Amino acid sequence: MQKKDCYYLGKITKKHGFKGNLILHLDTDEPESYIDMESVFIEKDGILVPFFFEFIGPHTSGKLLAKFEDIGPEEAERLVNKSLYLPLAELPALEGTEFYFHEIIGFTIIDDVKGEVGIVKSVNDNGVQAILVIDANGKEVLIPIINEWIHEVNRQEKFIKLETPEGLIDLYLD
């Protein structure tokens, strides 16, 4: 399995106890929806390696408690701070105006007032608010992802229609 065929799920944050149990912090609003996983991929030396769960269950603060098969306490310690991945094919399909950030790269952004703005280059989700980074004929336009602004996500024709506040796009294009 290659990293380009997977999505980042989260990371192992620390050991729990002395039997090789680990705390997983998943990058999702619903970590409990992953308690039926059989395995994950962990990046080791630049290669994604499958690890199978002996058990996995809810822990505190939206984290999961897990133990991998055939992994003792010493090996578990070496897995702390490692990233977890799952194949893109395992992502549940989203409908309506919901989308995964990776799936909208290359989509055209169409504003109700300004018309076609440009193409989504990336999504910056490093801050408090996720932001669309759009290439508008060589100029960079940044639009916060706010659910109320999104009117349509068309996956077949690869565009997103939205309504931004008056003047927001003009800040970048004028």
N, C-alpha and C. Protein backbone atom coordinates (compact mmCIF):
# COMPACT_ATOMS: atom_id res chain seq x y z
N MET A 1 0.85 -1.18 0.00
CA MET A 1 0.00 0.00 0.00
C MET A 1 0.89 1.24 0.00
N GLN A 2 0.55 2.18 -0.87
CA GLN A 2 1.32 3.41 -0.94
C GLN A 2 0.58 4.54 -0.25
N LYS A 3 1.34 5.50 0.26
CA LYS A 3 0.76 6.61 1.01
C LYS A 3 -0.23 7.41 0.17
N LYS A 4 0.03 7.55 -1.12
CA LYS A 4 -0.87 8.32 -1.99
C LYS A 4 -2.24 7.66 -2.13
N ASP A 5 -2.34 6.37 -1.81
CA ASP A 5 -3.60 5.64 -1.89
C ASP A 5 -4.32 5.60 -0.54
N CYS A 6 -3.80 6.33 0.43
CA CYS A 6 -4.35 6.31 1.79
C CYS A 6 -4.67 7.71 2.27
N TYR A 7 -5.41 7.76 3.36
CA TYR A 7 -5.65 9.03 4.02
C TYR A 7 -5.14 8.94 5.45
N TYR A 8 -4.74 10.09 5.95
CA TYR A 8 -4.23 10.20 7.32
C TYR A 8 -5.41 10.05 8.27
N LEU A 9 -5.33 9.10 9.18
CA LEU A 9 -6.40 8.85 10.15
C LEU A 9 -6.11 9.50 11.50
N GLY A 10 -4.86 9.54 11.89
CA GLY A 10 -4.50 10.09 13.19
C GLY A 10 -3.13 9.58 13.59
N LYS A 11 -2.88 9.57 14.91
CA LYS A 11 -1.58 9.08 15.36
C LYS A 11 -1.69 8.41 16.72
N ILE A 12 -0.67 7.67 17.03
CA ILE A 12 -0.55 7.02 18.33
C ILE A 12 0.07 8.06 19.26
N THR A 13 -0.63 8.41 20.34
CA THR A 13 -0.13 9.49 21.18
C THR A 13 0.70 9.02 22.37
N LYS A 14 0.36 7.86 22.95
CA LYS A 14 1.15 7.37 24.08
C LYS A 14 0.78 5.95 24.43
N LYS A 15 1.63 5.34 25.27
CA LYS A 15 1.34 4.01 25.81
C LYS A 15 0.34 4.14 26.93
N HIS A 16 -0.37 3.04 27.18
CA HIS A 16 -1.33 3.00 28.29
C HIS A 16 -1.09 1.71 29.04
N GLY A 17 -0.59 1.81 30.25
CA GLY A 17 -0.32 0.62 31.03
C GLY A 17 0.99 -0.04 30.63
N PHE A 18 1.12 -1.32 31.01
CA PHE A 18 2.39 -2.02 30.81
C PHE A 18 2.28 -3.24 29.90
N LYS A 19 1.14 -3.41 29.22
CA LYS A 19 0.94 -4.60 28.40
C LYS A 19 1.01 -4.31 26.90
N GLY A 20 1.41 -3.10 26.52
CA GLY A 20 1.50 -2.77 25.11
C GLY A 20 0.27 -2.06 24.56
N ASN A 21 -0.63 -1.66 25.45
CA ASN A 21 -1.80 -0.90 25.00
C ASN A 21 -1.37 0.51 24.59
N LEU A 22 -2.10 1.07 23.63
CA LEU A 22 -1.76 2.39 23.09
C LEU A 22 -3.00 3.28 23.01
N ILE A 23 -2.78 4.57 23.11
CA ILE A 23 -3.84 5.56 22.94
C ILE A 23 -3.74 6.11 21.52
N LEU A 24 -4.86 6.05 20.79
CA LEU A 24 -4.92 6.57 19.42
C LEU A 24 -5.73 7.85 19.41
N HIS A 25 -5.18 8.87 18.80
CA HIS A 25 -5.91 10.13 18.61
C HIS A 25 -6.24 10.22 17.13
N LEU A 26 -7.52 10.09 16.80
CA LEU A 26 -7.94 10.10 15.40
C LEU A 26 -8.36 11.50 14.99
N ASP A 27 -8.02 11.86 13.77
CA ASP A 27 -8.34 13.17 13.23
C ASP A 27 -9.75 13.13 12.63
N THR A 28 -10.74 13.00 13.50
CA THR A 28 -12.12 12.88 13.06
C THR A 28 -13.04 13.37 14.17
N ASP A 29 -14.24 13.78 13.78
CA ASP A 29 -15.23 14.20 14.77
C ASP A 29 -15.90 13.01 15.44
N GLU A 30 -15.80 11.83 14.84
CA GLU A 30 -16.47 10.64 15.36
C GLU A 30 -15.50 9.46 15.47
N PRO A 31 -14.55 9.51 16.40
CA PRO A 31 -13.59 8.41 16.51
C PRO A 31 -14.26 7.07 16.83
N GLU A 32 -15.41 7.12 17.51
CA GLU A 32 -16.10 5.87 17.87
C GLU A 32 -16.57 5.10 16.64
N SER A 33 -16.69 5.77 15.49
CA SER A 33 -17.11 5.07 14.27
C SER A 33 -15.99 4.17 13.72
N TYR A 34 -14.81 4.23 14.32
CA TYR A 34 -13.69 3.43 13.86
C TYR A 34 -13.39 2.24 14.78
N ILE A 35 -14.24 1.98 15.77
CA ILE A 35 -13.92 0.90 16.71
C ILE A 35 -14.11 -0.50 16.12
N ASP A 36 -14.66 -0.59 14.91
CA ASP A 36 -14.79 -1.89 14.25
C ASP A 36 -13.65 -2.18 13.27
N MET A 37 -12.64 -1.32 13.25
CA MET A 37 -11.51 -1.53 12.34
C MET A 37 -10.80 -2.84 12.68
N GLU A 38 -10.34 -3.51 11.67
CA GLU A 38 -9.53 -4.71 11.88
C GLU A 38 -8.05 -4.39 11.87
N SER A 39 -7.69 -3.34 11.10
CA SER A 39 -6.28 -3.02 10.96
C SER A 39 -6.11 -1.57 10.52
N VAL A 40 -4.87 -1.08 10.62
CA VAL A 40 -4.48 0.23 10.11
C VAL A 40 -3.09 0.06 9.51
N PHE A 41 -2.69 1.07 8.75
CA PHE A 41 -1.32 1.11 8.24
C PHE A 41 -0.56 2.13 9.08
N ILE A 42 0.67 1.76 9.44
CA ILE A 42 1.55 2.64 10.19
C ILE A 42 2.80 2.84 9.35
N GLU A 43 3.22 4.09 9.26
CA GLU A 43 4.41 4.39 8.48
C GLU A 43 5.66 4.07 9.31
N LYS A 44 6.48 3.18 8.77
CA LYS A 44 7.74 2.82 9.42
C LYS A 44 8.82 2.86 8.35
N ASP A 45 9.81 3.70 8.57
CA ASP A 45 10.93 3.85 7.63
C ASP A 45 10.44 4.17 6.22
N GLY A 46 9.42 5.01 6.11
CA GLY A 46 8.91 5.45 4.82
C GLY A 46 8.00 4.46 4.12
N ILE A 47 7.68 3.35 4.78
CA ILE A 47 6.83 2.32 4.18
C ILE A 47 5.59 2.14 5.05
N LEU A 48 4.43 1.98 4.42
CA LEU A 48 3.21 1.71 5.18
C LEU A 48 3.12 0.22 5.47
N VAL A 49 3.03 -0.10 6.76
CA VAL A 49 3.01 -1.50 7.21
C VAL A 49 1.66 -1.76 7.88
N PRO A 50 0.98 -2.86 7.51
CA PRO A 50 -0.30 -3.14 8.16
C PRO A 50 -0.10 -3.67 9.58
N PHE A 51 -0.93 -3.19 10.50
CA PHE A 51 -0.96 -3.67 11.87
C PHE A 51 -2.39 -4.07 12.18
N PHE A 52 -2.58 -5.26 12.76
CA PHE A 52 -3.91 -5.77 13.06
C PHE A 52 -4.20 -5.61 14.55
N PHE A 53 -5.44 -5.25 14.85
CA PHE A 53 -5.82 -5.00 16.23
C PHE A 53 -6.14 -6.29 16.97
N GLU A 54 -5.62 -6.42 18.17
CA GLU A 54 -6.06 -7.46 19.10
C GLU A 54 -7.37 -7.00 19.72
N PHE A 55 -7.42 -5.69 20.05
CA PHE A 55 -8.68 -5.05 20.48
C PHE A 55 -8.57 -3.55 20.24
N ILE A 56 -9.73 -2.92 20.13
CA ILE A 56 -9.80 -1.47 20.01
C ILE A 56 -11.14 -1.04 20.60
N GLY A 57 -11.12 0.04 21.36
CA GLY A 57 -12.35 0.51 21.98
C GLY A 57 -12.25 1.96 22.39
N PRO A 58 -13.35 2.52 22.85
CA PRO A 58 -13.35 3.93 23.25
C PRO A 58 -12.49 4.17 24.49
N HIS A 59 -11.91 5.35 24.56
CA HIS A 59 -11.14 5.80 25.72
C HIS A 59 -11.71 7.15 26.11
N THR A 60 -10.98 7.97 26.79
CA THR A 60 -11.49 9.27 27.21
C THR A 60 -11.25 10.35 26.15
N SER A 61 -12.01 11.41 26.21
CA SER A 61 -11.84 12.60 25.37
C SER A 61 -11.78 12.28 23.87
N GLY A 62 -12.60 11.36 23.42
CA GLY A 62 -12.66 11.06 21.99
C GLY A 62 -11.48 10.27 21.46
N LYS A 63 -10.67 9.73 22.33
CA LYS A 63 -9.54 8.91 21.89
C LYS A 63 -9.94 7.44 21.96
N LEU A 64 -9.11 6.59 21.35
CA LEU A 64 -9.36 5.16 21.38
C LEU A 64 -8.21 4.46 22.10
N LEU A 65 -8.53 3.37 22.76
CA LEU A 65 -7.54 2.51 23.40
C LEU A 65 -7.41 1.27 22.52
N ALA A 66 -6.18 0.88 22.21
CA ALA A 66 -5.99 -0.25 21.30
C ALA A 66 -4.76 -1.05 21.68
N LYS A 67 -4.77 -2.28 21.21
CA LYS A 67 -3.59 -3.15 21.30
C LYS A 67 -3.49 -3.88 19.97
N PHE A 68 -2.27 -3.91 19.44
CA PHE A 68 -2.04 -4.60 18.18
C PHE A 68 -1.62 -6.05 18.45
N GLU A 69 -2.00 -6.92 17.55
CA GLU A 69 -1.60 -8.33 17.65
C GLU A 69 -0.09 -8.45 17.62
N ASP A 70 0.44 -9.34 18.45
CA ASP A 70 1.86 -9.69 18.46
C ASP A 70 2.78 -8.50 18.72
N ILE A 71 2.27 -7.47 19.41
CA ILE A 71 3.10 -6.31 19.75
C ILE A 71 3.20 -6.23 21.27
N GLY A 72 4.43 -6.38 21.76
CA GLY A 72 4.66 -6.29 23.20
C GLY A 72 4.93 -4.86 23.64
N PRO A 73 5.17 -4.68 24.92
CA PRO A 73 5.38 -3.34 25.48
C PRO A 73 6.55 -2.57 24.85
N GLU A 74 7.65 -3.26 24.55
CA GLU A 74 8.81 -2.56 23.99
C GLU A 74 8.52 -2.06 22.57
N GLU A 75 7.92 -2.92 21.76
CA GLU A 75 7.58 -2.52 20.39
C GLU A 75 6.50 -1.44 20.41
N ALA A 76 5.55 -1.54 21.35
CA ALA A 76 4.49 -0.53 21.46
C ALA A 76 5.11 0.84 21.74
N GLU A 77 6.12 0.88 22.58
CA GLU A 77 6.80 2.14 22.89
C GLU A 77 7.37 2.78 21.62
N ARG A 78 7.89 1.97 20.71
CA ARG A 78 8.47 2.48 19.46
C ARG A 78 7.40 2.98 18.49
N LEU A 79 6.14 2.64 18.73
CA LEU A 79 5.05 3.08 17.84
C LEU A 79 4.46 4.44 18.26
N VAL A 80 4.80 4.90 19.45
CA VAL A 80 4.28 6.20 19.92
C VAL A 80 4.72 7.30 18.96
N ASN A 81 3.80 8.19 18.64
CA ASN A 81 3.98 9.31 17.70
C ASN A 81 4.00 8.89 16.24
N LYS A 82 3.70 7.64 15.95
CA LYS A 82 3.61 7.19 14.56
C LYS A 82 2.23 7.54 14.01
N SER A 83 2.19 7.85 12.71
CA SER A 83 0.94 8.19 12.03
C SER A 83 0.19 6.95 11.59
N LEU A 84 -1.15 7.05 11.61
CA LEU A 84 -2.03 5.96 11.21
C LEU A 84 -2.70 6.31 9.88
N TYR A 85 -2.83 5.32 9.01
CA TYR A 85 -3.44 5.53 7.70
C TYR A 85 -4.43 4.42 7.37
N LEU A 86 -5.42 4.76 6.55
CA LEU A 86 -6.36 3.79 6.00
C LEU A 86 -6.47 4.03 4.50
N PRO A 87 -6.81 2.99 3.72
CA PRO A 87 -6.97 3.17 2.28
C PRO A 87 -8.11 4.15 1.96
N LEU A 88 -7.90 4.98 0.94
CA LEU A 88 -8.94 5.92 0.50
C LEU A 88 -10.25 5.22 0.19
N ALA A 89 -10.15 3.98 -0.31
CA ALA A 89 -11.36 3.23 -0.68
C ALA A 89 -12.26 2.95 0.52
N GLU A 90 -11.71 3.04 1.73
CA GLU A 90 -12.51 2.76 2.93
C GLU A 90 -13.26 3.99 3.47
N LEU A 91 -13.03 5.15 2.86
CA LEU A 91 -13.77 6.33 3.30
C LEU A 91 -15.22 6.19 2.90
N PRO A 92 -16.15 6.45 3.82
CA PRO A 92 -17.56 6.41 3.43
C PRO A 92 -17.87 7.55 2.46
N ALA A 93 -18.71 7.27 1.49
CA ALA A 93 -19.08 8.30 0.51
C ALA A 93 -19.90 9.39 1.20
N LEU A 94 -19.59 10.62 0.87
CA LEU A 94 -20.35 11.75 1.42
C LEU A 94 -21.32 12.25 0.37
N GLU A 95 -22.40 12.85 0.84
CA GLU A 95 -23.43 13.34 -0.08
C GLU A 95 -23.74 14.79 0.24
N GLY A 96 -24.50 15.41 -0.65
CA GLY A 96 -24.91 16.79 -0.43
C GLY A 96 -23.72 17.72 -0.46
N THR A 97 -23.69 18.64 0.49
CA THR A 97 -22.63 19.64 0.50
C THR A 97 -21.44 19.25 1.39
N GLU A 98 -21.43 18.02 1.88
CA GLU A 98 -20.29 17.54 2.65
C GLU A 98 -19.22 17.02 1.70
N PHE A 99 -17.95 17.18 2.07
CA PHE A 99 -16.86 16.69 1.23
C PHE A 99 -15.62 16.47 2.07
N TYR A 100 -14.75 15.60 1.54
CA TYR A 100 -13.43 15.42 2.12
C TYR A 100 -12.51 16.43 1.46
N PHE A 101 -11.59 16.98 2.21
CA PHE A 101 -10.70 17.99 1.66
C PHE A 101 -9.92 17.49 0.45
N HIS A 102 -9.43 16.25 0.51
CA HIS A 102 -8.62 15.74 -0.59
C HIS A 102 -9.43 15.58 -1.88
N GLU A 103 -10.74 15.36 -1.78
CA GLU A 103 -11.53 15.08 -2.98
C GLU A 103 -11.86 16.32 -3.80
N ILE A 104 -11.74 17.52 -3.21
CA ILE A 104 -12.13 18.73 -3.95
C ILE A 104 -10.95 19.44 -4.59
N ILE A 105 -9.76 18.90 -4.46
CA ILE A 105 -8.61 19.49 -5.13
C ILE A 105 -8.88 19.40 -6.64
N GLY A 106 -8.77 20.54 -7.33
CA GLY A 106 -9.05 20.59 -8.75
C GLY A 106 -10.47 21.01 -9.09
N PHE A 107 -11.34 21.10 -8.08
CA PHE A 107 -12.72 21.55 -8.32
C PHE A 107 -12.73 23.04 -8.63
N THR A 108 -13.68 23.46 -9.45
CA THR A 108 -13.88 24.87 -9.75
C THR A 108 -14.79 25.48 -8.68
N ILE A 109 -14.43 26.66 -8.20
CA ILE A 109 -15.25 27.38 -7.23
C ILE A 109 -16.07 28.42 -8.00
N ILE A 110 -17.39 28.39 -7.79
CA ILE A 110 -18.30 29.32 -8.44
C ILE A 110 -19.06 30.07 -7.34
N ASP A 111 -18.90 31.40 -7.32
CA ASP A 111 -19.60 32.23 -6.36
C ASP A 111 -20.91 32.71 -6.98
N ASP A 112 -21.98 32.75 -6.17
CA ASP A 112 -23.30 33.16 -6.67
C ASP A 112 -23.27 34.55 -7.31
N VAL A 113 -22.44 35.45 -6.79
CA VAL A 113 -22.39 36.82 -7.31
C VAL A 113 -21.26 37.01 -8.32
N LYS A 114 -20.04 36.57 -7.96
CA LYS A 114 -18.84 36.81 -8.79
C LYS A 114 -18.70 35.83 -9.95
N GLY A 115 -19.42 34.72 -9.93
CA GLY A 115 -19.27 33.70 -10.96
C GLY A 115 -18.08 32.81 -10.67
N GLU A 116 -17.44 32.32 -11.73
CA GLU A 116 -16.31 31.42 -11.57
C GLU A 116 -15.12 32.15 -10.96
N VAL A 117 -14.64 31.63 -9.83
CA VAL A 117 -13.54 32.27 -9.11
C VAL A 117 -12.21 31.65 -9.50
N GLY A 118 -12.13 30.31 -9.51
CA GLY A 118 -10.89 29.63 -9.83
C GLY A 118 -10.94 28.17 -9.42
N ILE A 119 -9.76 27.57 -9.33
CA ILE A 119 -9.60 26.14 -9.07
C ILE A 119 -9.00 25.93 -7.68
N VAL A 120 -9.56 24.97 -6.92
CA VAL A 120 -9.04 24.65 -5.60
C VAL A 120 -7.67 24.00 -5.74
N LYS A 121 -6.64 24.67 -5.19
CA LYS A 121 -5.27 24.12 -5.18
C LYS A 121 -5.04 23.23 -3.98
N SER A 122 -5.59 23.67 -2.83
CA SER A 122 -5.40 22.92 -1.59
C SER A 122 -6.40 23.41 -0.56
N VAL A 123 -6.40 22.73 0.59
CA VAL A 123 -7.20 23.16 1.72
C VAL A 123 -6.23 23.30 2.89
N ASN A 124 -6.22 24.49 3.50
CA ASN A 124 -5.37 24.74 4.65
C ASN A 124 -6.22 24.52 5.89
N ASP A 125 -5.93 23.45 6.61
CA ASP A 125 -6.68 23.18 7.84
C ASP A 125 -5.78 23.19 9.06
N ASN A 126 -4.71 23.98 8.99
CA ASN A 126 -3.78 24.07 10.11
C ASN A 126 -4.26 24.98 11.23
N GLY A 127 -5.18 25.87 10.93
CA GLY A 127 -5.67 26.81 11.93
C GLY A 127 -7.02 26.38 12.49
N VAL A 128 -7.68 27.31 13.13
CA VAL A 128 -8.99 27.06 13.71
C VAL A 128 -10.03 26.83 12.62
N GLN A 129 -9.90 27.57 11.52
CA GLN A 129 -10.87 27.51 10.42
C GLN A 129 -10.20 26.94 9.17
N ALA A 130 -10.79 25.92 8.56
CA ALA A 130 -10.27 25.38 7.30
C ALA A 130 -10.53 26.39 6.19
N ILE A 131 -9.56 26.51 5.28
CA ILE A 131 -9.63 27.53 4.24
C ILE A 131 -9.34 26.91 2.88
N LEU A 132 -10.20 27.24 1.89
CA LEU A 132 -9.95 26.86 0.50
C LEU A 132 -8.85 27.77 -0.05
N VAL A 133 -7.84 27.16 -0.66
CA VAL A 133 -6.79 27.93 -1.33
C VAL A 133 -7.06 27.76 -2.83
N ILE A 134 -7.43 28.89 -3.48
CA ILE A 134 -7.91 28.85 -4.85
C ILE A 134 -6.95 29.60 -5.77
N ASP A 135 -6.67 29.01 -6.93
CA ASP A 135 -5.89 29.68 -7.96
C ASP A 135 -6.87 30.36 -8.91
N ALA A 136 -6.89 31.70 -8.88
CA ALA A 136 -7.78 32.50 -9.73
C ALA A 136 -6.91 33.18 -10.79
N ASN A 137 -6.60 32.42 -11.84
CA ASN A 137 -5.75 32.95 -12.92
C ASN A 137 -4.44 33.52 -12.39
N GLY A 138 -3.78 32.76 -11.55
CA GLY A 138 -2.48 33.16 -11.03
C GLY A 138 -2.53 33.93 -9.73
N LYS A 139 -3.68 34.37 -9.30
CA LYS A 139 -3.82 35.05 -8.02
C LYS A 139 -4.40 34.07 -7.00
N GLU A 140 -3.88 34.13 -5.77
CA GLU A 140 -4.36 33.24 -4.72
C GLU A 140 -5.54 33.87 -3.99
N VAL A 141 -6.64 33.13 -3.91
CA VAL A 141 -7.83 33.56 -3.20
C VAL A 141 -8.06 32.58 -2.05
N LEU A 142 -8.29 33.12 -0.86
CA LEU A 142 -8.53 32.30 0.33
C LEU A 142 -9.97 32.49 0.78
N ILE A 143 -10.71 31.38 0.87
CA ILE A 143 -12.11 31.43 1.30
C ILE A 143 -12.30 30.43 2.43
N PRO A 144 -12.76 30.91 3.60
CA PRO A 144 -13.03 29.98 4.70
C PRO A 144 -14.13 28.99 4.32
N ILE A 145 -14.00 27.77 4.80
CA ILE A 145 -15.03 26.75 4.55
C ILE A 145 -16.08 26.90 5.64
N ILE A 146 -17.19 27.50 5.27
CA ILE A 146 -18.31 27.73 6.18
C ILE A 146 -19.54 27.08 5.57
N ASN A 147 -20.11 26.11 6.28
CA ASN A 147 -21.21 25.31 5.74
C ASN A 147 -22.34 26.15 5.16
N GLU A 148 -22.68 27.25 5.82
CA GLU A 148 -23.79 28.08 5.36
C GLU A 148 -23.51 28.74 4.01
N TRP A 149 -22.25 28.88 3.64
CA TRP A 149 -21.89 29.50 2.36
C TRP A 149 -21.97 28.51 1.20
N ILE A 150 -21.91 27.22 1.49
CA ILE A 150 -21.84 26.20 0.44
C ILE A 150 -23.25 25.80 0.01
N HIS A 151 -23.54 26.02 -1.28
CA HIS A 151 -24.87 25.73 -1.80
C HIS A 151 -24.93 24.41 -2.57
N GLU A 152 -23.82 24.04 -3.20
CA GLU A 152 -23.82 22.81 -4.01
C GLU A 152 -22.40 22.29 -4.16
N VAL A 153 -22.27 20.97 -4.06
CA VAL A 153 -21.02 20.28 -4.38
C VAL A 153 -21.37 19.28 -5.47
N ASN A 154 -20.87 19.52 -6.67
CA ASN A 154 -21.16 18.66 -7.81
C ASN A 154 -19.91 17.83 -8.11
N ARG A 155 -19.95 16.56 -7.70
CA ARG A 155 -18.79 15.69 -7.88
C ARG A 155 -18.61 15.26 -9.32
N GLN A 156 -19.69 15.12 -10.08
CA GLN A 156 -19.59 14.69 -11.47
C GLN A 156 -18.93 15.78 -12.32
N GLU A 157 -19.37 17.03 -12.16
CA GLU A 157 -18.82 18.12 -12.97
C GLU A 157 -17.70 18.87 -12.26
N LYS A 158 -17.37 18.45 -11.04
CA LYS A 158 -16.25 18.95 -10.26
C LYS A 158 -16.31 20.47 -10.04
N PHE A 159 -17.41 20.90 -9.40
CA PHE A 159 -17.48 22.30 -8.99
C PHE A 159 -18.21 22.43 -7.66
N ILE A 160 -17.94 23.56 -7.00
CA ILE A 160 -18.61 23.91 -5.75
C ILE A 160 -19.20 25.29 -5.95
N LYS A 161 -20.50 25.40 -5.67
CA LYS A 161 -21.17 26.70 -5.71
C LYS A 161 -21.30 27.19 -4.29
N LEU A 162 -20.93 28.45 -4.10
CA LEU A 162 -21.06 29.04 -2.78
C LEU A 162 -21.42 30.51 -2.86
N GLU A 163 -21.81 31.03 -1.74
CA GLU A 163 -22.13 32.45 -1.64
C GLU A 163 -21.28 33.05 -0.54
N THR A 164 -20.32 33.88 -0.95
CA THR A 164 -19.42 34.51 0.01
C THR A 164 -19.93 35.91 0.35
N PRO A 165 -19.50 36.44 1.47
CA PRO A 165 -19.91 37.80 1.82
C PRO A 165 -19.40 38.80 0.77
N GLU A 166 -20.16 39.85 0.58
CA GLU A 166 -19.81 40.87 -0.39
C GLU A 166 -18.42 41.43 -0.09
N GLY A 167 -17.60 41.49 -1.12
CA GLY A 167 -16.26 42.07 -1.00
C GLY A 167 -15.16 41.10 -0.65
N LEU A 168 -15.48 39.87 -0.19
CA LEU A 168 -14.42 38.94 0.21
C LEU A 168 -13.51 38.57 -0.96
N ILE A 169 -14.07 38.17 -2.05
CA ILE A 169 -13.26 37.78 -3.22
C ILE A 169 -12.57 38.98 -3.82
N ASP A 170 -13.23 40.13 -3.78
CA ASP A 170 -12.63 41.36 -4.31
C ASP A 170 -11.33 41.73 -3.59
N LEU A 171 -11.22 41.36 -2.33
CA LEU A 171 -9.97 41.64 -1.58
C LEU A 171 -8.76 41.06 -2.29
N TYR A 172 -8.94 39.94 -2.97
CA TYR A 172 -7.84 39.24 -3.62
C TYR A 172 -7.68 39.60 -5.09
N LEU A 173 -8.75 39.97 -5.73
CA LEU A 173 -8.72 40.15 -7.18
C LEU A 173 -8.59 41.61 -7.62
N ASP A 174 -8.85 42.54 -6.74
CA ASP A 174 -8.73 43.96 -7.12
C ASP A 174 -7.36 44.52 -6.83
